[in-house]
Amino acid sequence: MLIGLIRPRESRTVTVQGLELDEIQDLITAQSPAGWETAAAPVAMTKRDTILTAEATIVRRDGLREIEAEDLDALKALVPDGYQLLSVRHP
């Protein structure tokens, strides 16, 4: 018997603009649903402008659940579309 830990595999892109990096991060956090984290947030500034623009990628980190199966192949077959298998353990 094996137990697998799975979670949803979901990401979104959020575009924000601000004058400082702290402001950019606050704006990204404000637009992120509960259970989501910032995976990447590259910041750019155009020439002759003081406004920073970030194209942030946010990813879902909640929704963990366990599945059980007799072997690894059966466990992988139980992983629903849109989910990823994070770990496998013996009970």
PDB file of N, CA and C in Angstrom:
ATOM      1  N   MET A   1       0.841  -1.176   0.000  1.00  0.00           N
ATOM      2  CA  MET A   1       0.000   0.000   0.000  1.00  0.00           C
ATOM      3  C   MET A   1       0.891   1.245   0.000  1.00  0.00           C
ATOM      4  N   LEU A   2       0.535   2.209  -0.828  1.00  0.00           N
ATOM      5  CA  LEU A   2       1.247   3.485  -0.901  1.00  0.00           C
ATOM      6  C   LEU A   2       0.251   4.631  -0.687  1.00  0.00           C
ATOM      7  N   ILE A   3       0.743   5.698  -0.108  1.00  0.00           N
ATOM      8  CA  ILE A   3      -0.054   6.911   0.089  1.00  0.00           C
ATOM      9  C   ILE A   3       0.642   8.047  -0.653  1.00  0.00           C
ATOM     10  N   GLY A   4      -0.100   8.725  -1.502  1.00  0.00           N
ATOM     11  CA  GLY A   4       0.449   9.847  -2.261  1.00  0.00           C
ATOM     12  C   GLY A   4      -0.174  11.154  -1.818  1.00  0.00           C
ATOM     13  N   LEU A   5       0.633  12.195  -1.762  1.00  0.00           N
ATOM     14  CA  LEU A   5       0.160  13.539  -1.441  1.00  0.00           C
ATOM     15  C   LEU A   5       0.041  14.314  -2.749  1.00  0.00           C
ATOM     16  N   ILE A   6      -1.151  14.865  -3.019  1.00  0.00           N
ATOM     17  CA  ILE A   6      -1.376  15.601  -4.265  1.00  0.00           C
ATOM     18  C   ILE A   6      -1.891  17.004  -3.949  1.00  0.00           C
ATOM     19  N   ARG A   7      -1.749  17.895  -4.923  1.00  0.00           N
ATOM     20  CA  ARG A   7      -2.328  19.236  -4.823  1.00  0.00           C
ATOM     21  C   ARG A   7      -2.644  19.735  -6.227  1.00  0.00           C
ATOM     22  N   PRO A   8      -3.533  20.720  -6.311  1.00  0.00           N
ATOM     23  CA  PRO A   8      -3.868  21.276  -7.626  1.00  0.00           C
ATOM     24  C   PRO A   8      -2.645  21.926  -8.270  1.00  0.00           C
ATOM     25  N   ARG A   9      -2.540  21.788  -9.588  1.00  0.00           N
ATOM     26  CA  ARG A   9      -1.465  22.424 -10.353  1.00  0.00           C
ATOM     27  C   ARG A   9      -2.130  23.545 -11.146  1.00  0.00           C
ATOM     28  N   GLU A  10      -2.050  24.736 -10.596  1.00  0.00           N
ATOM     29  CA  GLU A  10      -2.740  25.865 -11.208  1.00  0.00           C
ATOM     30  C   GLU A  10      -1.871  27.108 -11.054  1.00  0.00           C
ATOM     31  N   SER A  11      -1.824  27.931 -12.096  1.00  0.00           N
ATOM     32  CA  SER A  11      -1.079  29.184 -12.029  1.00  0.00           C
ATOM     33  C   SER A  11      -1.824  30.262 -12.805  1.00  0.00           C
ATOM     34  N   ARG A  12      -1.523  31.490 -12.457  1.00  0.00           N
ATOM     35  CA  ARG A  12      -2.113  32.657 -13.124  1.00  0.00           C
ATOM     36  C   ARG A  12      -1.041  33.729 -13.270  1.00  0.00           C
ATOM     37  N   THR A  13      -1.286  34.637 -14.193  1.00  0.00           N
ATOM     38  CA  THR A  13      -0.394  35.785 -14.365  1.00  0.00           C
ATOM     39  C   THR A  13      -1.132  37.051 -13.942  1.00  0.00           C
ATOM     40  N   VAL A  14      -0.450  37.872 -13.175  1.00  0.00           N
ATOM     41  CA  VAL A  14      -1.010  39.126 -12.675  1.00  0.00           C
ATOM     42  C   VAL A  14      -0.066  40.252 -13.086  1.00  0.00           C
ATOM     43  N   THR A  15      -0.588  41.302 -13.678  1.00  0.00           N
ATOM     44  CA  THR A  15       0.225  42.459 -14.054  1.00  0.00           C
ATOM     45  C   THR A  15      -0.091  43.615 -13.108  1.00  0.00           C
ATOM     46  N   VAL A  16       0.962  44.164 -12.506  1.00  0.00           N
ATOM     47  CA  VAL A  16       0.790  45.291 -11.589  1.00  0.00           C
ATOM     48  C   VAL A  16       1.813  46.371 -11.903  1.00  0.00           C
ATOM     49  N   GLN A  17       1.493  47.599 -11.499  1.00  0.00           N
ATOM     50  CA  GLN A  17       2.408  48.726 -11.674  1.00  0.00           C
ATOM     51  C   GLN A  17       2.508  49.498 -10.372  1.00  0.00           C
ATOM     52  N   GLY A  18       3.716  49.995 -10.095  1.00  0.00           N
ATOM     53  CA  GLY A  18       3.947  50.774  -8.886  1.00  0.00           C
ATOM     54  C   GLY A  18       5.246  51.543  -8.992  1.00  0.00           C
ATOM     55  N   LEU A  19       5.526  52.306  -7.936  1.00  0.00           N
ATOM     56  CA  LEU A  19       6.731  53.132  -7.926  1.00  0.00           C
ATOM     57  C   LEU A  19       7.885  52.494  -7.165  1.00  0.00           C
ATOM     58  N   GLU A  20       7.589  51.508  -6.302  1.00  0.00           N
ATOM     59  CA  GLU A  20       8.624  50.859  -5.498  1.00  0.00           C
ATOM     60  C   GLU A  20       8.391  49.350  -5.477  1.00  0.00           C
ATOM     61  N   LEU A  21       9.442  48.598  -5.206  1.00  0.00           N
ATOM     62  CA  LEU A  21       9.331  47.139  -5.162  1.00  0.00           C
ATOM     63  C   LEU A  21       8.385  46.659  -4.067  1.00  0.00           C
ATOM     64  N   ASP A  22       8.409  47.325  -2.897  1.00  0.00           N
ATOM     65  CA  ASP A  22       7.485  46.946  -1.825  1.00  0.00           C
ATOM     66  C   ASP A  22       6.034  47.135  -2.256  1.00  0.00           C
ATOM     67  N   GLU A  23       5.769  48.201  -2.982  1.00  0.00           N
ATOM     68  CA  GLU A  23       4.421  48.455  -3.484  1.00  0.00           C
ATOM     69  C   GLU A  23       4.004  47.375  -4.485  1.00  0.00           C
ATOM     70  N   ILE A  24       4.938  46.993  -5.349  1.00  0.00           N
ATOM     71  CA  ILE A  24       4.672  45.932  -6.325  1.00  0.00           C
ATOM     72  C   ILE A  24       4.287  44.646  -5.602  1.00  0.00           C
ATOM     73  N   GLN A  25       5.056  44.262  -4.598  1.00  0.00           N
ATOM     74  CA  GLN A  25       4.772  43.033  -3.859  1.00  0.00           C
ATOM     75  C   GLN A  25       3.421  43.116  -3.160  1.00  0.00           C
ATOM     76  N   ASP A  26       3.102  44.263  -2.566  1.00  0.00           N
ATOM     77  CA  ASP A  26       1.803  44.432  -1.902  1.00  0.00           C
ATOM     78  C   ASP A  26       0.652  44.300  -2.898  1.00  0.00           C
ATOM     79  N   LEU A  27       0.828  44.852  -4.089  1.00  0.00           N
ATOM     80  CA  LEU A  27      -0.216  44.760  -5.116  1.00  0.00           C
ATOM     81  C   LEU A  27      -0.409  43.322  -5.597  1.00  0.00           C
ATOM     82  N   ILE A  28       0.688  42.591  -5.736  1.00  0.00           N
ATOM     83  CA  ILE A  28       0.589  41.179  -6.136  1.00  0.00           C
ATOM     84  C   ILE A  28      -0.132  40.383  -5.051  1.00  0.00           C
ATOM     85  N   THR A  29       0.242  40.598  -3.814  1.00  0.00           N
ATOM     86  CA  THR A  29      -0.385  39.899  -2.691  1.00  0.00           C
ATOM     87  C   THR A  29      -1.880  40.211  -2.624  1.00  0.00           C
ATOM     88  N   ALA A  30      -2.249  41.460  -2.865  1.00  0.00           N
ATOM     89  CA  ALA A  30      -3.658  41.864  -2.824  1.00  0.00           C
ATOM     90  C   ALA A  30      -4.481  41.168  -3.913  1.00  0.00           C
ATOM     91  N   GLN A  31      -3.849  40.828  -5.036  1.00  0.00           N
ATOM     92  CA  GLN A  31      -4.561  40.188  -6.140  1.00  0.00           C
ATOM     93  C   GLN A  31      -4.466  38.656  -6.099  1.00  0.00           C
ATOM     94  N   SER A  32      -3.775  38.136  -5.110  1.00  0.00           N
ATOM     95  CA  SER A  32      -3.606  36.681  -4.994  1.00  0.00           C
ATOM     96  C   SER A  32      -4.685  36.107  -4.082  1.00  0.00           C
ATOM     97  N   PRO A  33      -5.415  35.110  -4.552  1.00  0.00           N
ATOM     98  CA  PRO A  33      -6.414  34.466  -3.680  1.00  0.00           C
ATOM     99  C   PRO A  33      -5.734  33.765  -2.506  1.00  0.00           C
ATOM    100  N   ALA A  34      -6.497  33.467  -1.479  1.00  0.00           N
ATOM    101  CA  ALA A  34      -5.970  32.729  -0.327  1.00  0.00           C
ATOM    102  C   ALA A  34      -5.436  31.385  -0.801  1.00  0.00           C
ATOM    103  N   GLY A  35      -4.292  30.980  -0.274  1.00  0.00           N
ATOM    104  CA  GLY A  35      -3.689  29.707  -0.659  1.00  0.00           C
ATOM    105  C   GLY A  35      -2.775  29.795  -1.868  1.00  0.00           C
ATOM    106  N   TRP A  36      -2.573  30.975  -2.407  1.00  0.00           N
ATOM    107  CA  TRP A  36      -1.710  31.174  -3.573  1.00  0.00           C
ATOM    108  C   TRP A  36      -0.445  31.921  -3.153  1.00  0.00           C
ATOM    109  N   GLU A  37       0.670  31.668  -3.859  1.00  0.00           N
ATOM    110  CA  GLU A  37       1.958  32.311  -3.581  1.00  0.00           C
ATOM    111  C   GLU A  37       2.560  32.853  -4.867  1.00  0.00           C
ATOM    112  N   THR A  38       3.437  33.817  -4.717  1.00  0.00           N
ATOM    113  CA  THR A  38       4.154  34.365  -5.861  1.00  0.00           C
ATOM    114  C   THR A  38       5.295  33.424  -6.228  1.00  0.00           C
ATOM    115  N   ALA A  39       5.318  32.963  -7.478  1.00  0.00           N
ATOM    116  CA  ALA A  39       6.394  32.087  -7.949  1.00  0.00           C
ATOM    117  C   ALA A  39       7.488  32.899  -8.626  1.00  0.00           C
ATOM    118  N   ALA A  40       7.099  33.936  -9.347  1.00  0.00           N
ATOM    119  CA  ALA A  40       8.060  34.798 -10.033  1.00  0.00           C
ATOM    120  C   ALA A  40       7.404  36.154 -10.265  1.00  0.00           C
ATOM    121  N   ALA A  41       8.213  37.200 -10.205  1.00  0.00           N
ATOM    122  CA  ALA A  41       7.679  38.545 -10.428  1.00  0.00           C
ATOM    123  C   ALA A  41       8.766  39.445 -11.013  1.00  0.00           C
ATOM    124  N   PRO A  42       9.180  39.170 -12.253  1.00  0.00           N
ATOM    125  CA  PRO A  42      10.183  40.041 -12.861  1.00  0.00           C
ATOM    126  C   PRO A  42       9.625  41.451 -13.048  1.00  0.00           C
ATOM    127  N   VAL A  43      10.465  42.430 -12.748  1.00  0.00           N
ATOM    128  CA  VAL A  43      10.056  43.830 -12.798  1.00  0.00           C
ATOM    129  C   VAL A  43      10.821  44.533 -13.913  1.00  0.00           C
ATOM    130  N   ALA A  44      10.120  45.397 -14.643  1.00  0.00           N
ATOM    131  CA  ALA A  44      10.747  46.166 -15.724  1.00  0.00           C
ATOM    132  C   ALA A  44      10.356  47.630 -15.597  1.00  0.00           C
ATOM    133  N   MET A  45      11.236  48.474 -16.103  1.00  0.00           N
ATOM    134  CA  MET A  45      10.964  49.903 -16.138  1.00  0.00           C
ATOM    135  C   MET A  45      11.280  50.388 -17.547  1.00  0.00           C
ATOM    136  N   THR A  46      10.349  51.110 -18.143  1.00  0.00           N
ATOM    137  CA  THR A  46      10.597  51.631 -19.477  1.00  0.00           C
ATOM    138  C   THR A  46      11.484  52.863 -19.396  1.00  0.00           C
ATOM    139  N   LYS A  47      12.137  53.178 -20.491  1.00  0.00           N
ATOM    140  CA  LYS A  47      12.993  54.357 -20.525  1.00  0.00           C
ATOM    141  C   LYS A  47      12.169  55.614 -20.293  1.00  0.00           C
ATOM    142  N   ARG A  48      12.742  56.543 -19.595  1.00  0.00           N
ATOM    143  CA  ARG A  48      12.126  57.844 -19.312  1.00  0.00           C
ATOM    144  C   ARG A  48      10.840  57.735 -18.493  1.00  0.00           C
ATOM    145  N   ASP A  49      10.751  56.694 -17.678  1.00  0.00           N
ATOM    146  CA  ASP A  49       9.561  56.512 -16.850  1.00  0.00           C
ATOM    147  C   ASP A  49       9.994  55.985 -15.488  1.00  0.00           C
ATOM    148  N   THR A  50       9.272  56.359 -14.446  1.00  0.00           N
ATOM    149  CA  THR A  50       9.610  55.888 -13.102  1.00  0.00           C
ATOM    150  C   THR A  50       8.646  54.803 -12.618  1.00  0.00           C
ATOM    151  N   ILE A  51       7.743  54.384 -13.469  1.00  0.00           N
ATOM    152  CA  ILE A  51       6.765  53.363 -13.092  1.00  0.00           C
ATOM    153  C   ILE A  51       7.357  51.973 -13.353  1.00  0.00           C
ATOM    154  N   LEU A  52       7.279  51.123 -12.339  1.00  0.00           N
ATOM    155  CA  LEU A  52       7.714  49.734 -12.459  1.00  0.00           C
ATOM    156  C   LEU A  52       6.515  48.874 -12.860  1.00  0.00           C
ATOM    157  N   THR A  53       6.750  47.935 -13.746  1.00  0.00           N
ATOM    158  CA  THR A  53       5.710  46.999 -14.154  1.00  0.00           C
ATOM    159  C   THR A  53       6.199  45.581 -13.877  1.00  0.00           C
ATOM    160  N   ALA A  54       5.348  44.794 -13.225  1.00  0.00           N
ATOM    161  CA  ALA A  54       5.695  43.399 -12.928  1.00  0.00           C
ATOM    162  C   ALA A  54       4.659  42.474 -13.544  1.00  0.00           C
ATOM    163  N   GLU A  55       5.147  41.441 -14.211  1.00  0.00           N
ATOM    164  CA  GLU A  55       4.309  40.347 -14.716  1.00  0.00           C
ATOM    165  C   GLU A  55       4.528  39.195 -13.743  1.00  0.00           C
ATOM    166  N   ALA A  56       3.678  39.103 -12.742  1.00  0.00           N
ATOM    167  CA  ALA A  56       3.863  38.104 -11.689  1.00  0.00           C
ATOM    168  C   ALA A  56       3.149  36.808 -12.035  1.00  0.00           C
ATOM    169  N   THR A  57       3.816  35.711 -11.744  1.00  0.00           N
ATOM    170  CA  THR A  57       3.197  34.394 -11.850  1.00  0.00           C
ATOM    171  C   THR A  57       2.869  33.950 -10.435  1.00  0.00           C
ATOM    172  N   ILE A  58       1.585  33.690 -10.183  1.00  0.00           N
ATOM    173  CA  ILE A  58       1.179  33.187  -8.884  1.00  0.00           C
ATOM    174  C   ILE A  58       0.719  31.738  -9.055  1.00  0.00           C
ATOM    175  N   VAL A  59       0.998  30.930  -8.040  1.00  0.00           N
ATOM    176  CA  VAL A  59       0.689  29.502  -8.109  1.00  0.00           C
ATOM    177  C   VAL A  59      -0.109  29.084  -6.880  1.00  0.00           C
ATOM    178  N   ARG A  60      -0.978  28.116  -7.095  1.00  0.00           N
ATOM    179  CA  ARG A  60      -1.819  27.615  -6.015  1.00  0.00           C
ATOM    180  C   ARG A  60      -1.031  26.624  -5.172  1.00  0.00           C
ATOM    181  N   ARG A  61      -1.050  26.803  -3.848  1.00  0.00           N
ATOM    182  CA  ARG A  61      -0.308  25.930  -2.947  1.00  0.00           C
ATOM    183  C   ARG A  61      -1.196  25.266  -1.898  1.00  0.00           C
ATOM    184  N   ASP A  62      -2.506  25.478  -1.984  1.00  0.00           N
ATOM    185  CA  ASP A  62      -3.406  24.830  -1.032  1.00  0.00           C
ATOM    186  C   ASP A  62      -4.083  23.631  -1.690  1.00  0.00           C
ATOM    187  N   GLY A  63      -5.063  23.069  -1.044  1.00  0.00           N
ATOM    188  CA  GLY A  63      -5.811  21.965  -1.628  1.00  0.00           C
ATOM    189  C   GLY A  63      -5.111  20.624  -1.537  1.00  0.00           C
ATOM    190  N   LEU A  64      -4.216  20.464  -0.564  1.00  0.00           N
ATOM    191  CA  LEU A  64      -3.516  19.190  -0.391  1.00  0.00           C
ATOM    192  C   LEU A  64      -4.496  18.090   0.009  1.00  0.00           C
ATOM    193  N   ARG A  65      -4.284  16.906  -0.540  1.00  0.00           N
ATOM    194  CA  ARG A  65      -5.061  15.749  -0.120  1.00  0.00           C
ATOM    195  C   ARG A  65      -4.260  14.481  -0.392  1.00  0.00           C
ATOM    196  N   GLU A  66      -4.659  13.398   0.258  1.00  0.00           N
ATOM    197  CA  GLU A  66      -3.964  12.124   0.107  1.00  0.00           C
ATOM    198  C   GLU A  66      -4.806  11.151  -0.713  1.00  0.00           C
ATOM    199  N   ILE A  67      -4.106  10.315  -1.471  1.00  0.00           N
ATOM    200  CA  ILE A  67      -4.731   9.222  -2.208  1.00  0.00           C
ATOM    201  C   ILE A  67      -3.971   7.946  -1.862  1.00  0.00           C
ATOM    202  N   GLU A  68      -4.647   6.799  -1.986  1.00  0.00           N
ATOM    203  CA  GLU A  68      -4.025   5.519  -1.653  1.00  0.00           C
ATOM    204  C   GLU A  68      -4.173   4.539  -2.803  1.00  0.00           C
ATOM    205  N   ALA A  69      -3.145   3.697  -2.972  1.00  0.00           N
ATOM    206  CA  ALA A  69      -3.188   2.646  -3.994  1.00  0.00           C
ATOM    207  C   ALA A  69      -2.197   1.548  -3.616  1.00  0.00           C
ATOM    208  N   GLU A  70      -2.324   0.419  -4.295  1.00  0.00           N
ATOM    209  CA  GLU A  70      -1.481  -0.736  -4.000  1.00  0.00           C
ATOM    210  C   GLU A  70      -0.050  -0.587  -4.509  1.00  0.00           C
ATOM    211  N   ASP A  71       0.129   0.082  -5.657  1.00  0.00           N
ATOM    212  CA  ASP A  71       1.480   0.259  -6.208  1.00  0.00           C
ATOM    213  C   ASP A  71       1.586   1.642  -6.862  1.00  0.00           C
ATOM    214  N   LEU A  72       2.799   1.974  -7.312  1.00  0.00           N
ATOM    215  CA  LEU A  72       3.047   3.308  -7.856  1.00  0.00           C
ATOM    216  C   LEU A  72       2.254   3.579  -9.133  1.00  0.00           C
ATOM    217  N   ASP A  73       2.155   2.604 -10.004  1.00  0.00           N
ATOM    218  CA  ASP A  73       1.386   2.800 -11.238  1.00  0.00           C
ATOM    219  C   ASP A  73      -0.080   3.090 -10.938  1.00  0.00           C
ATOM    220  N   ALA A  74      -0.645   2.363 -10.004  1.00  0.00           N
ATOM    221  CA  ALA A  74      -2.044   2.582  -9.621  1.00  0.00           C
ATOM    222  C   ALA A  74      -2.216   3.939  -8.953  1.00  0.00           C
ATOM    223  N   LEU A  75      -1.218   4.339  -8.169  1.00  0.00           N
ATOM    224  CA  LEU A  75      -1.271   5.642  -7.502  1.00  0.00           C
ATOM    225  C   LEU A  75      -1.255   6.763  -8.538  1.00  0.00           C
ATOM    226  N   LYS A  76      -0.351   6.672  -9.508  1.00  0.00           N
ATOM    227  CA  LYS A  76      -0.271   7.687 -10.562  1.00  0.00           C
ATOM    228  C   LYS A  76      -1.569   7.759 -11.364  1.00  0.00           C
ATOM    229  N   ALA A  77      -2.206   6.613 -11.565  1.00  0.00           N
ATOM    230  CA  ALA A  77      -3.468   6.585 -12.317  1.00  0.00           C
ATOM    231  C   ALA A  77      -4.592   7.293 -11.563  1.00  0.00           C
ATOM    232  N   LEU A  78      -4.476   7.397 -10.246  1.00  0.00           N
ATOM    233  CA  LEU A  78      -5.502   8.051  -9.430  1.00  0.00           C
ATOM    234  C   LEU A  78      -5.361   9.570  -9.369  1.00  0.00           C
ATOM    235  N   VAL A  79      -4.235  10.101  -9.840  1.00  0.00           N
ATOM    236  CA  VAL A  79      -4.015  11.554  -9.792  1.00  0.00           C
ATOM    237  C   VAL A  79      -4.940  12.215 -10.816  1.00  0.00           C
ATOM    238  N   PRO A  80      -5.884  13.058 -10.349  1.00  0.00           N
ATOM    239  CA  PRO A  80      -6.826  13.689 -11.272  1.00  0.00           C
ATOM    240  C   PRO A  80      -6.142  14.705 -12.195  1.00  0.00           C
ATOM    241  N   ASP A  81      -6.761  14.980 -13.342  1.00  0.00           N
ATOM    242  CA  ASP A  81      -6.255  16.037 -14.222  1.00  0.00           C
ATOM    243  C   ASP A  81      -6.194  17.349 -13.446  1.00  0.00           C
ATOM    244  N   GLY A  82      -5.143  18.102 -13.675  1.00  0.00           N
ATOM    245  CA  GLY A  82      -4.987  19.382 -12.995  1.00  0.00           C
ATOM    246  C   GLY A  82      -4.350  19.278 -11.621  1.00  0.00           C
ATOM    247  N   TYR A  83      -3.931  18.066 -11.236  1.00  0.00           N
ATOM    248  CA  TYR A  83      -3.259  17.859  -9.952  1.00  0.00           C
ATOM    249  C   TYR A  83      -1.861  17.319 -10.194  1.00  0.00           C
ATOM    250  N   GLN A  84      -1.006  17.460  -9.193  1.00  0.00           N
ATOM    251  CA  GLN A  84       0.338  16.894  -9.282  1.00  0.00           C
ATOM    252  C   GLN A  84       0.614  16.064  -8.038  1.00  0.00           C
ATOM    253  N   LEU A  85       1.369  14.999  -8.246  1.00  0.00           N
ATOM    254  CA  LEU A  85       1.773  14.116  -7.164  1.00  0.00           C
ATOM    255  C   LEU A  85       3.038  14.709  -6.535  1.00  0.00           C
ATOM    256  N   LEU A  86       2.952  15.053  -5.249  1.00  0.00           N
ATOM    257  CA  LEU A  86       4.085  15.688  -4.569  1.00  0.00           C
ATOM    258  C   LEU A  86       5.017  14.698  -3.898  1.00  0.00           C
ATOM    259  N   SER A  87       4.441  13.686  -3.264  1.00  0.00           N
ATOM    260  CA  SER A  87       5.264  12.713  -2.551  1.00  0.00           C
ATOM    261  C   SER A  87       4.521  11.389  -2.432  1.00  0.00           C
ATOM    262  N   VAL A  88       5.290  10.338  -2.171  1.00  0.00           N
ATOM    263  CA  VAL A  88       4.751   9.001  -1.989  1.00  0.00           C
ATOM    264  C   VAL A  88       5.401   8.401  -0.747  1.00  0.00           C
ATOM    265  N   ARG A  89       4.579   7.734   0.073  1.00  0.00           N
ATOM    266  CA  ARG A  89       5.114   7.110   1.289  1.00  0.00           C
ATOM    267  C   ARG A  89       4.361   5.817   1.579  1.00  0.00           C
ATOM    268  N   HIS A  90       4.978   5.007   2.407  1.00  0.00           N
ATOM    269  CA  HIS A  90       4.320   3.795   2.924  1.00  0.00           C
ATOM    270  C   HIS A  90       3.571   4.189   4.197  1.00  0.00           C
ATOM    271  N   PRO A  91       2.429   3.572   4.468  1.00  0.00           N
ATOM    272  CA  PRO A  91       1.699   3.898   5.700  1.00  0.00           C
ATOM    273  C   PRO A  91       2.441   3.456   6.947  1.00  0.00           C
TER     274      PRO A  91
END
